[in-house]
PDB file of N, CA and C in Angstrom:
ATOM      1  N   MET A   1     -45.924  47.223  53.401  1.00  0.00           N
ATOM      2  CA  MET A   1     -45.732  47.168  54.846  1.00  0.00           C
ATOM      3  C   MET A   1     -47.102  47.231  55.517  1.00  0.00           C
ATOM      4  N   ASP A   2     -47.209  46.545  56.621  1.00  0.00           N
ATOM      5  CA  ASP A   2     -48.488  46.516  57.326  1.00  0.00           C
ATOM      6  C   ASP A   2     -48.520  47.568  58.438  1.00  0.00           C
ATOM      7  N   LEU A   3     -49.623  47.611  59.142  1.00  0.00           N
ATOM      8  CA  LEU A   3     -49.835  48.627  60.178  1.00  0.00           C
ATOM      9  C   LEU A   3     -48.810  48.514  61.301  1.00  0.00           C
ATOM     10  N   ALA A   4     -48.456  47.302  61.680  1.00  0.00           N
ATOM     11  CA  ALA A   4     -47.489  47.115  62.766  1.00  0.00           C
ATOM     12  C   ALA A   4     -46.123  47.705  62.403  1.00  0.00           C
ATOM     13  N   SER A   5     -45.730  47.560  61.162  1.00  0.00           N
ATOM     14  CA  SER A   5     -44.445  48.107  60.728  1.00  0.00           C
ATOM     15  C   SER A   5     -44.449  49.628  60.776  1.00  0.00           C
ATOM     16  N   PHE A   6     -45.544  50.234  60.307  1.00  0.00           N
ATOM     17  CA  PHE A   6     -45.642  51.689  60.374  1.00  0.00           C
ATOM     18  C   PHE A   6     -45.668  52.177  61.814  1.00  0.00           C
ATOM     19  N   LEU A   7     -46.361  51.467  62.674  1.00  0.00           N
ATOM     20  CA  LEU A   7     -46.416  51.836  64.083  1.00  0.00           C
ATOM     21  C   LEU A   7     -45.032  51.735  64.719  1.00  0.00           C
ATOM     22  N   TYR A   8     -44.312  50.657  64.418  1.00  0.00           N
ATOM     23  CA  TYR A   8     -42.960  50.468  64.935  1.00  0.00           C
ATOM     24  C   TYR A   8     -42.030  51.592  64.475  1.00  0.00           C
ATOM     25  N   LEU A   9     -42.094  51.919  63.181  1.00  0.00           N
ATOM     26  CA  LEU A   9     -41.255  53.000  62.664  1.00  0.00           C
ATOM     27  C   LEU A   9     -41.638  54.341  63.280  1.00  0.00           C
ATOM     28  N   GLY A  10     -42.916  54.573  63.472  1.00  0.00           N
ATOM     29  CA  GLY A  10     -43.367  55.820  64.069  1.00  0.00           C
ATOM     30  C   GLY A  10     -42.883  55.975  65.495  1.00  0.00           C
ATOM     31  N   VAL A  11     -42.998  54.921  66.275  1.00  0.00           N
ATOM     32  CA  VAL A  11     -42.539  54.969  67.669  1.00  0.00           C
ATOM     33  C   VAL A  11     -41.026  55.154  67.716  1.00  0.00           C
ATOM     34  N   THR A  12     -40.307  54.438  66.864  1.00  0.00           N
ATOM     35  CA  THR A  12     -38.849  54.555  66.835  1.00  0.00           C
ATOM     36  C   THR A  12     -38.422  55.969  66.450  1.00  0.00           C
ATOM     37  N   PHE A  13     -39.056  56.514  65.408  1.00  0.00           N
ATOM     38  CA  PHE A  13     -38.729  57.871  64.987  1.00  0.00           C
ATOM     39  C   PHE A  13     -39.093  58.879  66.081  1.00  0.00           C
ATOM     40  N   GLY A  14     -40.226  58.685  66.745  1.00  0.00           N
ATOM     41  CA  GLY A  14     -40.636  59.576  67.830  1.00  0.00           C
ATOM     42  C   GLY A  14     -39.644  59.566  68.985  1.00  0.00           C
ATOM     43  N   LEU A  15     -39.175  58.396  69.364  1.00  0.00           N
ATOM     44  CA  LEU A  15     -38.188  58.301  70.440  1.00  0.00           C
ATOM     45  C   LEU A  15     -36.869  58.966  70.040  1.00  0.00           C
ATOM     46  N   PHE A  16     -36.495  58.819  68.772  1.00  0.00           N
ATOM     47  CA  PHE A  16     -35.277  59.469  68.296  1.00  0.00           C
ATOM     48  C   PHE A  16     -35.398  60.990  68.360  1.00  0.00           C
ATOM     49  N   VAL A  17     -36.559  61.512  67.984  1.00  0.00           N
ATOM     50  CA  VAL A  17     -36.785  62.954  68.037  1.00  0.00           C
ATOM     51  C   VAL A  17     -36.718  63.452  69.483  1.00  0.00           C
ATOM     52  N   ILE A  18     -37.331  62.715  70.403  1.00  0.00           N
ATOM     53  CA  ILE A  18     -37.289  63.100  71.817  1.00  0.00           C
ATOM     54  C   ILE A  18     -35.846  63.087  72.322  1.00  0.00           C
ATOM     55  N   PHE A  19     -35.084  62.059  71.965  1.00  0.00           N
ATOM     56  CA  PHE A  19     -33.688  61.968  72.378  1.00  0.00           C
ATOM     57  C   PHE A  19     -32.877  63.143  71.827  1.00  0.00           C
ATOM     58  N   ALA A  20     -33.107  63.486  70.557  1.00  0.00           N
ATOM     59  CA  ALA A  20     -32.379  64.600  69.949  1.00  0.00           C
ATOM     60  C   ALA A  20     -32.721  65.911  70.648  1.00  0.00           C
ATOM     61  N   LEU A  21     -33.981  66.113  71.006  1.00  0.00           N
ATOM     62  CA  LEU A  21     -34.366  67.336  71.722  1.00  0.00           C
ATOM     63  C   LEU A  21     -33.710  67.408  73.094  1.00  0.00           C
ATOM     64  N   ILE A  22     -33.626  66.285  73.781  1.00  0.00           N
ATOM     65  CA  ILE A  22     -32.974  66.263  75.091  1.00  0.00           C
ATOM     66  C   ILE A  22     -31.491  66.619  74.949  1.00  0.00           C
ATOM     67  N   VAL A  23     -30.832  66.061  73.943  1.00  0.00           N
ATOM     68  CA  VAL A  23     -29.408  66.347  73.736  1.00  0.00           C
ATOM     69  C   VAL A  23     -29.201  67.815  73.402  1.00  0.00           C
ATOM     70  N   VAL A  24     -30.022  68.360  72.509  1.00  0.00           N
ATOM     71  CA  VAL A  24     -29.881  69.768  72.134  1.00  0.00           C
ATOM     72  C   VAL A  24     -30.107  70.664  73.336  1.00  0.00           C
ATOM     73  N   ARG A  25     -31.123  70.369  74.129  1.00  0.00           N
ATOM     74  CA  ARG A  25     -31.412  71.208  75.293  1.00  0.00           C
ATOM     75  C   ARG A  25     -30.305  71.086  76.348  1.00  0.00           C
ATOM     76  N   THR A  26     -29.783  69.887  76.542  1.00  0.00           N
ATOM     77  CA  THR A  26     -28.760  69.675  77.557  1.00  0.00           C
ATOM     78  C   THR A  26     -27.466  70.393  77.209  1.00  0.00           C
ATOM     79  N   TYR A  27     -27.073  70.359  75.948  1.00  0.00           N
ATOM     80  CA  TYR A  27     -25.780  70.907  75.562  1.00  0.00           C
ATOM     81  C   TYR A  27     -25.859  72.313  74.983  1.00  0.00           C
ATOM     82  N   SER A  28     -27.018  72.972  75.087  1.00  0.00           N
ATOM     83  CA  SER A  28     -27.092  74.349  74.605  1.00  0.00           C
ATOM     84  C   SER A  28     -26.306  75.253  75.552  1.00  0.00           C
ATOM     85  N   LYS A  29     -25.748  76.324  75.030  1.00  0.00           N
ATOM     86  CA  LYS A  29     -24.872  77.212  75.807  1.00  0.00           C
ATOM     87  C   LYS A  29     -25.608  77.845  76.979  1.00  0.00           C
ATOM     88  N   LYS A  30     -26.839  78.280  76.752  1.00  0.00           N
ATOM     89  CA  LYS A  30     -27.594  78.936  77.817  1.00  0.00           C
ATOM     90  C   LYS A  30     -27.854  77.967  78.974  1.00  0.00           C
ATOM     91  N   ARG A  31     -28.268  76.747  78.673  1.00  0.00           N
ATOM     92  CA  ARG A  31     -28.553  75.763  79.721  1.00  0.00           C
ATOM     93  C   ARG A  31     -27.279  75.348  80.446  1.00  0.00           C
ATOM     94  N   LYS A  32     -26.169  75.301  79.727  1.00  0.00           N
ATOM     95  CA  LYS A  32     -24.913  74.916  80.365  1.00  0.00           C
ATOM     96  C   LYS A  32     -24.510  75.956  81.400  1.00  0.00           C
ATOM     97  N   ASP A  33     -24.675  77.228  81.065  1.00  0.00           N
ATOM     98  CA  ASP A  33     -24.330  78.287  82.016  1.00  0.00           C
ATOM     99  C   ASP A  33     -25.206  78.212  83.261  1.00  0.00           C
ATOM    100  N   GLU A  34     -26.502  77.915  83.093  1.00  0.00           N
ATOM    101  CA  GLU A  34     -27.398  77.791  84.254  1.00  0.00           C
ATOM    102  C   GLU A  34     -27.007  76.593  85.118  1.00  0.00           C
ATOM    103  N   GLY A  35     -26.622  75.503  84.497  1.00  0.00           N
ATOM    104  CA  GLY A  35     -26.216  74.312  85.248  1.00  0.00           C
ATOM    105  C   GLY A  35     -24.924  74.514  86.006  1.00  0.00           C
ATOM    106  N   GLU A  36     -23.992  75.209  85.405  1.00  0.00           N
ATOM    107  CA  GLU A  36     -22.717  75.469  86.064  1.00  0.00           C
ATOM    108  C   GLU A  36     -22.869  76.453  87.221  1.00  0.00           C
ATOM    109  N   ALA A  37     -23.832  77.339  87.156  1.00  0.00           N
ATOM    110  CA  ALA A  37     -24.022  78.330  88.211  1.00  0.00           C
ATOM    111  C   ALA A  37     -24.338  77.665  89.544  1.00  0.00           C
ATOM    112  N   ALA A  38     -25.131  76.613  89.523  1.00  0.00           N
ATOM    113  CA  ALA A  38     -25.474  75.917  90.763  1.00  0.00           C
ATOM    114  C   ALA A  38     -24.232  75.284  91.386  1.00  0.00           C
ATOM    115  N   LYS A  39     -23.359  74.744  90.555  1.00  0.00           N
ATOM    116  CA  LYS A  39     -22.140  74.115  91.075  1.00  0.00           C
ATOM    117  C   LYS A  39     -21.262  75.159  91.771  1.00  0.00           C
ATOM    118  N   TYR A  40     -21.078  76.300  91.128  1.00  0.00           N
ATOM    119  CA  TYR A  40     -20.225  77.317  91.724  1.00  0.00           C
ATOM    120  C   TYR A  40     -20.871  77.932  92.961  1.00  0.00           C
ATOM    121  N   GLN A  41     -22.183  77.986  92.993  1.00  0.00           N
ATOM    122  CA  GLN A  41     -22.874  78.503  94.176  1.00  0.00           C
ATOM    123  C   GLN A  41     -22.643  77.567  95.365  1.00  0.00           C
ATOM    124  N   MET A  42     -22.699  76.258  95.129  1.00  0.00           N
ATOM    125  CA  MET A  42     -22.462  75.314  96.220  1.00  0.00           C
ATOM    126  C   MET A  42     -21.014  75.394  96.692  1.00  0.00           C
ATOM    127  N   MET A  43     -20.084  75.623  95.781  1.00  0.00           N
ATOM    128  CA  MET A  43     -18.679  75.734  96.168  1.00  0.00           C
ATOM    129  C   MET A  43     -18.448  77.009  96.974  1.00  0.00           C
ATOM    130  N   ASP A  44     -19.159  78.078  96.653  1.00  0.00           N
ATOM    131  CA  ASP A  44     -19.013  79.324  97.411  1.00  0.00           C
ATOM    132  C   ASP A  44     -19.597  79.204  98.807  1.00  0.00           C
ATOM    133  N   ASP A  45     -20.610  78.344  98.983  1.00  0.00           N
ATOM    134  CA  ASP A  45     -21.238  78.174 100.300  1.00  0.00           C
ATOM    135  C   ASP A  45     -20.309  77.499 101.289  1.00  0.00           C
ATOM    136  N   ASP A  46     -19.358  76.722 100.793  1.00  0.00           N
ATOM    137  CA  ASP A  46     -18.454  75.988 101.703  1.00  0.00           C
ATOM    138  C   ASP A  46     -17.424  76.871 102.326  1.00  0.00           C
TER     139      ASP A  46
END
């Protein structure tokens, strides 16, 4: 394989890792509770 192939695989793998981190952070229990708190706060303001 040449340099372009390794670069392509590296970028693809890097983007996959970033996507996986975003998914893990978004769906973690602690972050979900913080996100839901804002919704209930806005509902209480009405």
